[in-house]
Protein backbone atom coordinates (compact mmCIF):
# COMPACT_ATOMS: atom_id res chain seq x y z
CA MET A 1 91.52 130.16 56.40
CA LYS A 2 92.22 132.71 59.09
CA SER A 3 95.88 133.51 59.58
CA ILE A 4 97.02 133.06 63.17
CA GLY A 5 99.78 134.81 65.09
CA PHE A 6 100.89 132.95 68.22
CA ILE A 7 103.10 134.47 70.95
CA GLY A 8 104.47 132.36 73.80
CA LEU A 9 105.69 128.81 73.16
CA GLY A 10 106.06 127.49 76.70
CA THR A 11 104.60 124.38 78.32
CA MET A 12 101.09 125.22 77.12
CA GLY A 13 101.64 127.50 74.12
CA ALA A 14 103.71 125.12 71.99
CA PRO A 15 101.17 122.25 71.94
CA MET A 16 98.32 124.73 71.37
CA ALA A 17 100.11 126.15 68.32
CA LYS A 18 100.78 122.62 67.05
CA ASN A 19 97.08 121.80 67.16
CA LEU A 20 96.28 124.92 65.13
CA LEU A 21 98.80 123.81 62.50
CA ARG A 22 97.35 120.30 62.44
CA LYS A 23 93.90 121.79 61.79
CA GLY A 24 95.26 123.59 58.75
CA PHE A 25 95.59 127.16 60.06
CA PRO A 26 98.59 129.14 58.79
CA VAL A 27 100.49 130.08 61.94
CA THR A 28 103.23 132.64 62.57
CA VAL A 29 104.94 132.22 65.92
CA TYR A 30 107.06 134.39 68.17
CA ASN A 31 109.00 133.41 71.26
CA ARG A 32 111.95 135.05 72.97
CA SER A 33 113.83 131.71 72.85
CA LEU A 34 113.85 130.89 69.15
CA GLU A 35 114.83 127.24 69.68
CA LYS A 36 111.34 126.56 71.08
CA ALA A 37 109.93 127.23 67.60
CA GLU A 38 111.93 124.50 65.83
CA ASP A 39 109.32 121.74 66.17
CA LEU A 40 106.61 124.11 64.96
CA VAL A 41 108.65 125.15 61.91
CA ALA A 42 108.91 121.45 61.02
CA LEU A 43 105.09 121.38 61.03
CA GLY A 44 104.85 124.42 58.73
CA ALA A 45 104.91 127.43 61.07
CA THR A 46 106.57 130.71 60.13
CA VAL A 47 108.84 132.37 62.69
CA SER A 48 108.66 136.12 63.36
CA THR A 49 111.42 138.12 64.99
CA THR A 50 109.18 140.52 66.95
CA PRO A 51 105.69 140.54 68.46
CA ALA A 52 104.74 143.30 66.02
CA GLU A 53 105.65 141.06 63.09
CA ALA A 54 103.59 138.19 64.48
CA ALA A 55 100.56 140.51 64.76
CA ARG A 56 100.91 142.47 61.53
CA ASP A 57 99.37 139.98 59.07
CA ALA A 58 97.30 137.97 61.55
CA ASP A 59 93.52 137.81 61.55
CA VAL A 60 93.74 136.37 65.06
CA LEU A 61 96.59 136.85 67.51
CA ILE A 62 96.84 134.41 70.44
CA THR A 63 99.04 135.10 73.47
CA MET A 64 100.00 132.54 76.10
CA LEU A 65 102.42 134.20 78.52
CA SER A 66 103.48 133.75 82.12
CA ASN A 67 102.27 136.90 83.90
CA ASP A 68 101.11 140.52 83.69
CA THR A 69 104.65 141.83 83.23
CA ALA A 70 105.26 139.60 80.22
CA ILE A 71 101.93 140.67 78.71
CA ARG A 72 102.72 144.36 79.11
CA GLN A 73 106.16 143.91 77.56
CA VAL A 74 104.80 142.00 74.57
CA PHE A 75 102.08 144.58 73.90
CA TYR A 76 103.71 147.89 74.83
CA ASP A 77 107.50 147.57 74.40
CA ALA A 78 109.26 148.69 71.23
CA TYR A 79 108.32 146.36 68.36
CA GLY A 80 105.45 145.13 70.50
CA VAL A 81 101.99 144.01 69.42
CA LEU A 82 100.65 147.57 69.33
CA GLU A 83 102.99 148.37 66.44
CA GLY A 84 101.51 145.54 64.40
CA LEU A 85 97.92 146.09 65.47
CA HIS A 86 95.32 146.66 62.77
CA SER A 87 91.60 147.29 62.74
CA GLY A 88 89.31 144.23 62.69
CA MET A 89 91.81 141.75 64.13
CA THR A 90 91.00 139.72 67.25
CA ILE A 91 93.42 139.17 70.14
CA ILE A 92 92.79 136.12 72.30
CA ASP A 93 94.82 136.15 75.50
CA CYS A 94 95.03 132.71 77.12
CA SER A 95 97.40 133.79 79.89
CA THR A 96 96.41 133.82 83.55
CA ILE A 97 96.67 137.50 84.47
CA SER A 98 94.86 140.01 86.64
CA PRO A 99 91.32 141.01 85.59
CA HIS A 100 92.49 144.66 85.66
CA THR A 101 95.07 143.98 82.95
CA SER A 102 92.49 142.11 80.86
CA ARG A 103 89.97 144.96 81.08
CA THR A 104 92.68 147.54 80.27
CA LEU A 105 93.71 145.68 77.11
CA TYR A 106 90.05 145.28 76.08
CA ALA A 107 89.51 149.03 76.33
CA GLU A 108 92.78 150.22 74.76
CA LEU A 109 92.77 147.75 71.86
CA GLY A 110 89.10 148.51 71.24
CA GLU A 111 89.95 152.18 70.78
CA GLN A 112 92.16 151.14 67.86
CA GLY A 113 89.50 148.96 66.22
CA ALA A 114 90.74 145.58 67.48
CA PHE A 115 88.77 143.03 69.52
CA PHE A 116 90.05 141.45 72.73
CA LEU A 117 89.00 138.28 74.55
CA ASP A 118 90.46 137.13 77.87
CA ALA A 119 90.36 133.35 77.51
CA PRO A 120 92.47 131.52 80.09
CA VAL A 121 92.44 127.74 79.99
CA THR A 122 92.28 124.75 82.29
CA GLY A 123 93.50 121.24 81.63
CA SER A 124 97.28 121.76 81.92
CA LYS A 125 99.82 120.23 79.56
CA PRO A 126 98.07 116.91 78.76
CA ALA A 127 94.91 118.71 77.60
CA ALA A 128 96.96 121.23 75.61
CA MET A 129 98.62 118.34 73.79
CA ASP A 130 95.37 116.48 73.20
CA GLY A 131 93.44 119.57 72.11
CA THR A 132 90.94 119.13 74.94
CA LEU A 133 91.46 122.39 76.82
CA LEU A 134 88.56 124.24 78.40
CA PHE A 135 88.44 127.98 77.68
CA MET A 136 86.69 130.39 80.06
CA VAL A 137 86.12 133.57 78.06
CA GLY A 138 85.42 137.19 78.89
CA GLY A 139 84.63 139.92 76.35
CA ASP A 140 82.00 140.41 73.66
CA GLU A 141 79.95 137.28 73.07
CA ASP A 142 79.54 137.93 69.35
CA VAL A 143 83.33 138.18 68.96
CA LEU A 144 83.67 134.83 70.75
CA ALA A 145 81.14 133.28 68.40
CA SER A 146 83.10 134.49 65.38
CA GLN A 147 86.23 132.70 66.62
CA ASP A 148 84.63 129.39 67.53
CA ASP A 149 86.64 127.51 64.88
CA VAL A 150 89.92 128.76 66.36
CA PHE A 151 88.95 127.76 69.89
CA ARG A 152 87.73 124.33 68.74
CA ALA A 153 91.11 123.66 67.12
CA MET A 154 92.74 123.88 70.55
CA GLY A 155 90.05 122.76 72.99
CA SER A 156 86.88 120.78 73.52
CA GLN A 157 84.90 123.25 75.65
CA VAL A 158 84.37 127.01 75.41
CA ILE A 159 82.38 128.71 78.17
CA TYR A 160 81.37 132.35 77.89
CA MET A 161 81.73 134.00 81.33
CA GLY A 162 80.62 137.59 80.66
CA PRO A 163 82.19 141.03 80.06
CA ALA A 164 85.91 141.68 79.71
CA GLY A 165 87.86 140.37 82.71
CA SER A 166 85.31 137.67 83.54
CA GLY A 167 87.51 134.92 82.15
CA SER A 168 90.41 136.10 84.29
CA TYR A 169 88.21 136.22 87.40
CA ALA A 170 87.02 132.67 86.75
CA LYS A 171 90.57 131.37 86.21
CA LEU A 172 91.86 132.86 89.46
CA ALA A 173 88.96 131.35 91.41
CA HIS A 174 89.55 128.04 89.66
CA ASN A 175 93.29 128.00 90.36
CA THR A 176 92.69 128.90 93.99
CA MET A 177 90.83 125.60 94.20
CA VAL A 178 93.57 123.79 92.28
CA GLY A 179 96.25 124.93 94.72
CA ILE A 180 94.19 124.06 97.80
CA ASN A 181 93.11 120.69 96.35
CA ALA A 182 96.69 119.79 95.45
CA LEU A 183 97.88 120.48 98.97
CA GLY A 184 94.95 118.59 100.50
CA PHE A 185 95.81 115.55 98.39
CA ILE A 186 99.54 115.78 99.15
CA GLU A 187 98.91 116.26 102.87
CA GLY A 188 96.80 113.10 102.94
CA MET A 189 99.52 111.22 101.07
CA ALA A 190 102.06 112.46 103.62
CA LEU A 191 99.91 111.17 106.49
CA ALA A 192 99.58 107.75 104.85
CA ALA A 193 103.31 107.56 104.11
CA LYS A 194 104.24 108.57 107.67
CA ALA A 195 101.97 105.80 108.96
CA ASN A 196 103.80 103.32 106.71
CA ILE A 197 100.69 102.63 104.61
CA HIS A 198 101.24 100.86 101.26
CA MET A 199 101.18 103.90 98.99
CA GLU A 200 99.94 102.35 95.75
CA LYS A 201 97.03 100.80 97.60
CA PHE A 202 96.28 104.07 99.37
CA LEU A 203 96.28 105.95 96.06
CA ALA A 204 93.84 103.37 94.66
CA ILE A 205 91.54 104.05 97.64
CA VAL A 206 91.72 107.80 97.03
CA LEU A 207 90.95 107.45 93.33
CA ALA A 208 87.97 105.21 94.05
CA GLY A 209 86.58 107.17 96.99
CA SER A 210 85.14 110.54 97.88
CA ALA A 211 88.65 112.00 98.32
CA CYS A 212 89.25 111.67 94.58
CA SER A 213 90.05 114.86 92.69
CA ARG A 214 91.57 115.91 89.39
CA GLN A 215 94.78 116.61 91.28
CA ALA A 216 94.83 113.05 92.62
CA GLU A 217 94.34 111.75 89.09
CA LEU A 218 97.02 113.99 87.57
CA LYS A 219 99.61 114.02 90.35
CA GLY A 220 99.27 110.74 92.24
CA GLU A 221 101.40 108.57 89.97
CA LYS A 222 103.84 111.43 89.37
CA ILE A 223 104.50 111.76 93.10
CA LEU A 224 104.97 108.03 93.64
CA ASP A 225 107.37 107.88 90.66
CA ARG A 226 109.29 110.98 91.84
CA ASN A 227 108.47 112.52 88.46
CA PHE A 228 108.20 116.30 88.69
CA ASP A 229 108.30 117.06 84.97
CA VAL A 230 106.18 120.14 84.37
CA GLN A 231 102.49 119.90 83.64
CA PHE A 232 101.92 123.20 85.45
CA SER A 233 104.91 124.72 87.21
CA MET A 234 105.11 125.60 90.88
CA GLN A 235 106.16 129.16 90.14
CA LEU A 236 103.07 129.69 87.97
CA MET A 237 100.86 128.14 90.64
CA HIS A 238 102.31 130.51 93.21
CA LYS A 239 101.90 133.46 90.82
CA ASP A 240 98.21 132.69 90.35
CA LEU A 241 97.63 132.34 94.09
CA ARG A 242 99.43 135.62 94.69
CA ILE A 243 97.18 137.43 92.17
CA ALA A 244 94.14 135.74 93.71
CA THR A 245 95.22 136.97 97.16
CA GLN A 246 95.50 140.52 95.84
CA LEU A 247 92.07 140.17 94.31
CA THR A 248 90.49 138.95 97.55
CA ASP A 249 92.03 141.94 99.33
CA LEU A 250 90.33 144.26 96.83
CA LEU A 251 87.04 142.39 97.24
CA GLN A 252 87.45 142.39 101.05
CA LEU A 253 86.93 138.64 101.08
CA THR A 254 88.45 136.48 103.84
CA THR A 255 90.14 133.40 102.36
CA PRO A 256 92.27 131.61 104.99
CA MET A 257 92.92 128.49 102.92
CA LEU A 258 94.10 130.57 99.96
CA GLY A 259 96.63 132.29 102.22
CA MET A 260 97.91 128.99 103.58
CA ALA A 261 98.19 127.52 100.08
CA LYS A 262 100.16 130.54 98.85
CA ASN A 263 102.53 130.23 101.80
CA MET A 264 103.09 126.52 101.16
CA PHE A 265 104.06 127.12 97.53
CA GLU A 266 106.34 129.93 98.68
CA MET A 267 108.15 127.34 100.79
CA GLY A 268 108.55 125.25 97.64
CA LEU A 269 109.97 128.24 95.77
CA SER A 270 112.44 128.84 98.61
CA LYS A 271 113.71 125.29 98.07
CA GLY A 272 114.45 126.08 94.43
CA LEU A 273 111.57 123.99 93.06
CA GLY A 274 109.87 126.77 91.08
CA GLU A 275 110.57 125.33 87.63
CA GLN A 276 109.34 121.85 88.58
CA ASP A 277 105.74 120.69 88.50
CA LEU A 278 103.50 122.05 91.26
CA SER A 279 103.38 118.53 92.73
CA ALA A 280 107.03 119.00 93.74
CA VAL A 281 105.69 120.86 96.78
CA VAL A 282 105.48 117.36 98.26
CA GLN A 283 109.20 117.77 98.98
CA VAL A 284 108.35 120.36 101.64
CA TYR A 285 106.34 117.70 103.48
CA GLU A 286 109.13 115.19 102.95
CA ASP A 287 111.58 117.54 104.65
CA TRP A 288 109.28 117.63 107.66
CA MET A 289 108.82 113.85 107.57
CA GLY A 290 112.47 113.00 107.00
CA ALA A 291 111.47 110.48 104.32
CA PRO A 292 110.21 110.49 100.70
CA ILE A 293 106.66 109.73 99.58
CA GLN A 294 107.18 107.07 96.94
CA ARG A 295 106.16 103.63 95.79
CA SER A 296 106.23 101.03 98.54
CA LYS A 297 109.22 98.71 98.18
CA VAL A 298 107.57 95.98 100.23
CA GLU A 299 104.13 95.26 101.57
CA SER A 300 103.21 97.34 104.61
CA ASN A 301 104.36 95.55 107.76
CA ILE A 302 102.25 97.44 110.28
CA GLU A 303 100.34 94.33 111.40
CA ALA A 304 103.59 92.42 111.95
CA ILE A 305 105.03 95.34 113.91
CA LEU A 306 101.95 95.61 116.12
CA GLN A 307 101.90 91.86 116.69
CA ALA A 308 105.59 91.88 117.67
CA GLU A 309 105.01 94.81 120.01
CA SER A 310 102.02 93.12 121.64
CA SER A 311 103.94 89.87 122.06
CA PHE A 312 106.86 91.69 123.59
CA VAL A 313 104.66 93.68 125.99
CA ASP A 314 102.75 90.55 127.03
CA ARG A 315 106.02 88.76 127.61
CA ARG A 316 107.27 91.66 129.72
CA LYS A 317 104.11 91.62 131.82
CA SER A 318 104.19 87.86 132.31
CA ILE A 319 107.69 87.82 133.80
CA ARG A 320 107.31 91.19 135.56
CA LEU A 321 110.84 92.44 134.97
CA MET A 322 111.90 95.91 136.09
CA MET A 323 113.89 97.95 133.59
CA ASP A 324 116.69 100.23 134.68
CA ILE A 325 118.05 101.64 131.41
CA PRO A 326 119.69 105.07 131.88
CA LEU A 327 118.31 107.93 129.79
CA LEU A 328 119.19 111.57 129.25
CA LEU A 329 116.13 113.81 128.91
CA SER A 330 116.27 117.23 127.22
CA VAL A 331 113.58 119.50 128.64
CA TYR A 332 112.67 122.80 126.93
CA GLN A 333 110.60 125.65 128.31
CA TRP A 334 109.13 128.52 126.30
CA GLU A 335 110.24 131.86 127.75
CA GLN A 336 108.76 134.38 125.34
CA GLU A 337 108.14 134.81 121.63
CA GLY A 338 111.21 133.64 119.75
CA ALA A 339 113.10 132.38 122.82
CA PHE A 340 113.20 129.27 125.01
CA SER A 341 115.48 127.73 127.62
CA GLY A 342 116.46 124.11 128.07
CA GLN A 343 118.34 121.69 130.29
CA ASN A 344 119.31 118.04 130.41
CA ILE A 345 118.18 115.78 133.27
CA ALA A 346 118.81 112.17 134.17
CA GLY A 347 116.14 109.51 134.03
CA THR A 348 115.65 105.79 133.58
CA LEU A 349 113.45 103.71 131.33
CA PHE A 350 111.12 101.95 133.74
CA ASP A 351 108.64 100.22 131.43
CA ILE A 352 107.31 100.17 127.85
CA SER A 353 103.81 99.97 126.42
CA GLU A 354 102.20 99.91 122.98
CA SER A 355 101.77 103.70 123.01
CA GLY A 356 104.84 104.96 124.81
CA LEU A 357 107.39 104.71 127.59
CA HIS A 358 107.29 104.74 131.37
CA ILE A 359 110.14 106.92 132.60
CA ALA A 360 111.35 107.55 136.15
CA SER A 361 113.21 110.70 137.23
CA SER A 362 113.75 112.78 140.35
CA PHE A 363 113.14 115.94 138.29
CA PRO A 364 109.59 117.36 138.35
CA LEU A 365 107.97 117.76 134.91
CA ALA A 366 104.58 119.14 133.90
CA GLN A 367 101.62 117.56 132.11
CA ASP A 368 101.73 117.92 128.30
CA MET A 369 105.39 118.97 128.37
CA PHE A 370 107.45 117.76 125.41
CA ILE A 371 110.81 116.14 126.10
CA VAL A 372 113.56 114.70 123.90
CA ILE A 373 114.75 111.25 125.03
CA HIS A 374 118.37 110.24 124.44
CA PHE A 375 119.26 106.55 124.85
CA PRO A 376 122.77 105.26 125.64
CA GLN A 377 125.16 105.46 122.70
CA GLU A 378 125.29 101.66 122.42
CA ALA A 379 121.59 101.65 121.50
CA ASP A 380 122.34 103.48 118.23
CA LEU A 381 118.92 105.15 118.44
CA PRO A 382 118.10 108.68 117.30
CA PRO A 383 116.68 111.21 119.79
CA ILE A 384 112.99 110.46 120.32
CA THR A 385 110.37 113.10 121.08
CA GLY A 386 107.67 112.36 123.63
CA ARG A 387 104.86 114.14 125.50
CA ILE A 388 104.19 113.74 129.21
CA ILE A 389 100.62 112.43 129.53
CA ARG A 390 100.65 110.96 133.06
CA ILE A 391 102.49 111.81 136.31
CA GLN A 392 102.68 109.58 139.41
CA PRO A 393 104.80 110.81 142.36
CA ASP A 394 106.54 108.11 144.45
CA GLU A 395 108.43 109.56 147.42
CA ASP A 396 111.43 111.36 145.86
CA THR A 397 110.85 109.92 142.36
CA PHE A 398 108.36 110.83 139.66
CA HIS A 399 107.00 108.23 137.26
CA TYR A 400 105.99 109.65 133.90
CA GLY A 401 103.85 108.15 131.19
CA CYS A 402 105.35 109.46 127.97
CA MET A 403 103.55 109.19 124.62
CA LEU A 404 105.96 108.99 121.69
CA SER A 405 105.49 111.44 118.80
CA GLY A 406 105.99 110.50 115.14
CA LEU A 407 108.08 107.39 115.86
CA PRO A 408 108.79 105.54 112.57
CA PRO A 409 108.09 101.79 112.67
CA SER A 410 111.74 101.05 111.89
CA THR A 411 112.87 103.02 114.96
CA ARG A 412 110.23 101.29 117.09
CA ILE A 413 111.56 97.89 116.02
CA LYS A 414 115.13 98.98 116.78
CA LEU A 415 114.02 100.20 120.22
CA GLU A 416 112.31 96.88 120.94
CA GLU A 417 115.41 94.95 119.91
CA TYR A 418 117.65 97.05 122.14
CA ILE A 419 115.40 96.61 125.17
CA ARG A 420 115.09 92.88 124.48
CA LYS A 421 118.87 92.50 124.54
CA GLN A 422 119.10 94.44 127.79
CA LEU A 423 116.48 92.25 129.45
CA GLN A 424 117.62 88.88 128.11
CA PRO A 425 119.92 88.05 131.06
CA LYS A 426 117.17 88.96 133.54
CA GLU A 427 114.62 86.87 131.63
CA GLU A 428 116.94 83.88 131.74
CA GLN A 429 117.43 84.33 135.49
CA VAL A 430 113.68 84.50 136.09
CA GLU A 431 113.05 81.45 133.89
CA GLN A 432 115.72 79.48 135.73
CA ALA A 433 114.21 80.49 139.11
CA GLU A 434 110.71 79.55 137.93
CA LEU A 435 112.00 76.19 136.66
CA ALA A 436 113.81 75.47 139.92
CA GLU A 437 110.65 76.37 141.90
CA SER A 438 108.58 74.10 139.70
CA GLU A 439 110.98 71.17 140.12
CA ALA A 440 111.07 71.66 143.90
CA SER A 441 107.27 71.61 144.11
CA GLU A 442 107.17 68.34 142.19
């Protein structure tokens, strides 16, 4: 059988090399961290100490490395692949690298009598383990046909894309979609979690509906279980999107979603999540939400919350009580780019509705202005953000309808309880007066 050299035993490379061994190919492996070769040695692999040694006796050399820099080092550094290169051998590069690097290797290795195929993969770690990877291949089609047995030992589909570099172009376009799809799925999950939707049920809806995607299938359960073990790392996802962005610049192609996706994964890298699975970018959304996206501990209680709110509002309307709860309002005004001014003003909570608060103040505010509402310390409530949606002047007082923004159900319940306690003495007084009036009329 063909002798195989294999360089790069990371998340994808190690299971790919194992499948070659299981299919009976003699395999010589090289990796900078030798401990990653131990499982392969147990399966019969031979370990080389340099890339040149891995290439020297190989009929086929397979590389699976992280980026262009790693590829250049493995091929061109001292004791690199070029020192072990020999005429007639085939190099199959399964890394995701720039098309320029792929075409350069095709040309330079061809000058020395070797064949080169750029053959990046899709399927991530599970497919690498199962031997069901899909290869998208650029290079000479007859060379690809001669290596069909090698590809079939590691994958289930091999698609010829065209001349050298075509496989790399296809992979970058593909991973652009992966990054955008992953963020679309996670953003939808964040919206459902913020609305207190039962997350397992919501995921079931996604998987059964038109929002379903491979990312939902691969990452949904991982996110709910807080399992960010690597199938495809965030730093590699960001690297691919960065190369794709450079490519679109060269092609003069406008790709706004690609740019946004790259920026989102950069935020994940800045949080130190680069070595975790790409789905760990959900933690960026969780920082914004102030809560994790995870399995629901109890059934969603939205209906109960809405029913309690409605009951409370109806009760308030029926006894027509006036509130007079003191508030401190923080008002911010945008001055110029990068600067704003703010001040605190006094107000009172005048009424409450299903969608917001009715606040009274002598200070004039503007429509659509955002304010931060601070309740008395005894309320033990966090600052609440609201937007002014209605203004009604009344002599020297302004009455403001204020829509609350992003108020968690738990905070809403706590707010209702606080107001109920404040109004309880007044309710009792009104009930006693109504009872006395009723008895007098009888």
